[in-house]
C-alpha cells in the first residue's frame, strides 16, 4: 500500500492526534482532574497509536492493516470515554476519534 492511497486516513489520523492532544491538555485544567484520569489516559493512548499508524503508512509498513485494527479499537474506546463528559473538548475529541475509527476499519 502506498501512502498516496491513504490521504483521507492520514488527514483523519492527524485530526485525531490534534483533538486528543487538545483534550488531554484541557482535561488537566479541569477542576476534578482525578475524575478525568481515564479520559486523559485514553487521549494519550489514542494520540500515540494514531501517530504510529500515520508514520507506518508513510513508510509503507507491512503491518498497516494490523496497526489500523488496533488503532480503530483505541479510537473507539477513547471516543466512548470522551462522550461520558460534557466538556466541549471531550465532545470534539470523541467526534474525531469515531471518524478515525471508521477510516481505520476500512483498511483493517
Protein backbone atom coordinates (compact mmCIF):
# COMPACT_ATOMS: atom_id res chain seq x y z
CA UNK A 1 0.00 0.00 0.00
CA UNK A 2 1.31 3.37 -0.91
CA UNK A 3 0.74 6.33 1.38
CA UNK A 4 -0.71 8.24 -1.58
CA UNK A 5 -3.67 5.83 -1.43
CA UNK A 6 -4.37 6.79 2.18
CA UNK A 7 -4.55 10.59 2.11
CA UNK A 8 -8.01 10.73 3.74
CA UNK A 9 -6.94 8.35 6.50
CA UNK A 10 -3.73 10.29 7.06
CA UNK A 11 -5.75 13.50 7.43
CA UNK A 12 -8.17 11.87 9.90
CA UNK A 13 -5.29 10.39 11.90
CA UNK A 14 -3.74 13.83 12.16
CA UNK A 15 -7.05 15.42 13.18
CA UNK A 16 -7.47 12.75 15.85
CA UNK A 17 -3.96 13.36 17.20
CA UNK A 18 -4.65 17.10 17.45
CA UNK A 19 -8.05 16.56 19.11
CA UNK A 20 -6.67 14.05 21.60
CA UNK A 21 -3.72 16.26 22.50
CA UNK A 22 -6.04 19.23 22.99
CA UNK A 23 -8.44 17.15 25.10
CA UNK A 24 -5.53 15.77 27.15
CA UNK A 25 -4.28 19.26 27.92
CA UNK A 26 -7.74 20.67 28.62
CA UNK A 27 -8.63 17.74 30.92
CA UNK A 28 -5.57 18.56 33.01
CA UNK A 29 -7.07 22.03 33.57
CA UNK A 30 -10.46 20.74 34.76
CA UNK A 31 -11.46 21.15 38.42
CA UNK A 32 -11.69 17.42 39.08
CA UNK A 33 -8.61 16.05 37.32
CA UNK A 34 -8.94 12.70 39.12
CA UNK A 35 -12.35 12.16 37.52
CA UNK A 36 -10.76 12.92 34.13
CA UNK A 37 -7.92 10.39 34.59
CA UNK A 38 -9.42 7.68 32.32
CA UNK A 39 -10.05 10.30 29.62
CA UNK A 40 -6.52 11.66 29.94
CA UNK A 41 -5.04 8.16 29.73
CA UNK A 42 -7.04 7.25 26.62
CA UNK A 43 -6.25 10.59 24.98
CA UNK A 44 -2.55 9.70 25.27
CA UNK A 45 -3.04 6.13 24.04
CA UNK A 46 -5.11 7.30 21.10
CA UNK A 47 -2.78 10.12 20.04
CA UNK A 48 0.20 7.77 20.26
CA UNK A 49 -1.31 4.94 18.18
CA UNK A 50 -2.63 7.41 15.60
CA UNK A 51 0.83 8.91 15.31
CA UNK A 52 2.41 5.49 14.99
CA UNK A 53 -0.07 4.41 12.30
CA UNK A 54 0.47 7.69 10.45
CA UNK A 55 4.23 7.04 10.43
CA UNK A 56 3.73 3.38 9.44
CA UNK A 57 1.59 4.38 6.45
CA UNK A 58 4.11 6.93 5.23
CA UNK A 59 6.90 4.35 5.33
CA UNK A 60 4.74 1.66 3.71
CA UNK A 61 4.97 -0.70 6.69
CA UNK A 62 3.87 -4.29 6.08
CA UNK A 63 1.79 -4.04 9.30
CA UNK A 64 -0.59 -1.28 8.26
CA UNK A 65 -3.71 -3.47 8.40
CA UNK A 66 -2.87 -4.85 11.83
CA UNK A 67 -1.99 -1.42 13.20
CA UNK A 68 -5.19 0.03 11.72
CA UNK A 69 -7.24 -2.60 13.58
CA UNK A 70 -5.57 -1.72 16.88
CA UNK A 71 -5.94 1.99 16.14
CA UNK A 72 -9.66 1.54 15.43
CA UNK A 73 -10.14 -0.19 18.81
CA UNK A 74 -8.28 2.51 20.74
CA UNK A 75 -10.08 5.31 18.87
CA UNK A 76 -13.40 3.62 19.69
CA UNK A 77 -12.55 3.32 23.38
CA UNK A 78 -11.28 6.91 23.55
CA UNK A 79 -14.41 8.18 21.83
CA UNK A 80 -16.64 6.32 24.28
CA UNK A 81 -14.75 7.71 27.27
CA UNK A 82 -14.77 11.26 25.93
CA UNK A 83 -18.51 11.03 25.26
CA UNK A 84 -19.07 10.46 29.00
CA UNK A 85 -18.06 14.07 29.65
CA UNK A 86 -19.91 17.27 28.83
CA UNK A 87 -16.80 19.36 28.12
CA UNK A 88 -16.62 20.76 24.61
CA UNK A 89 -13.06 19.47 24.17
CA UNK A 90 -14.21 15.95 25.07
CA UNK A 91 -17.13 16.06 22.62
CA UNK A 92 -14.86 17.29 19.81
CA UNK A 93 -12.32 14.61 20.65
CA UNK A 94 -14.98 11.89 20.61
CA UNK A 95 -16.13 13.04 17.18
CA UNK A 96 -12.58 12.95 15.80
CA UNK A 97 -11.99 9.53 17.37
CA UNK A 98 -15.12 7.99 15.86
CA UNK A 99 -14.30 9.36 12.40
CA UNK A 100 -10.78 7.99 12.66
CA UNK A 101 -12.09 4.65 13.92
CA UNK A 102 -14.28 4.23 10.84
CA UNK A 103 -11.44 5.16 8.49
CA UNK A 104 -9.12 2.68 10.22
CA UNK A 105 -11.73 -0.08 9.99
CA UNK A 106 -11.97 0.49 6.25
CA UNK A 107 -8.37 -0.67 5.76
CA UNK A 108 -8.04 -3.13 8.68
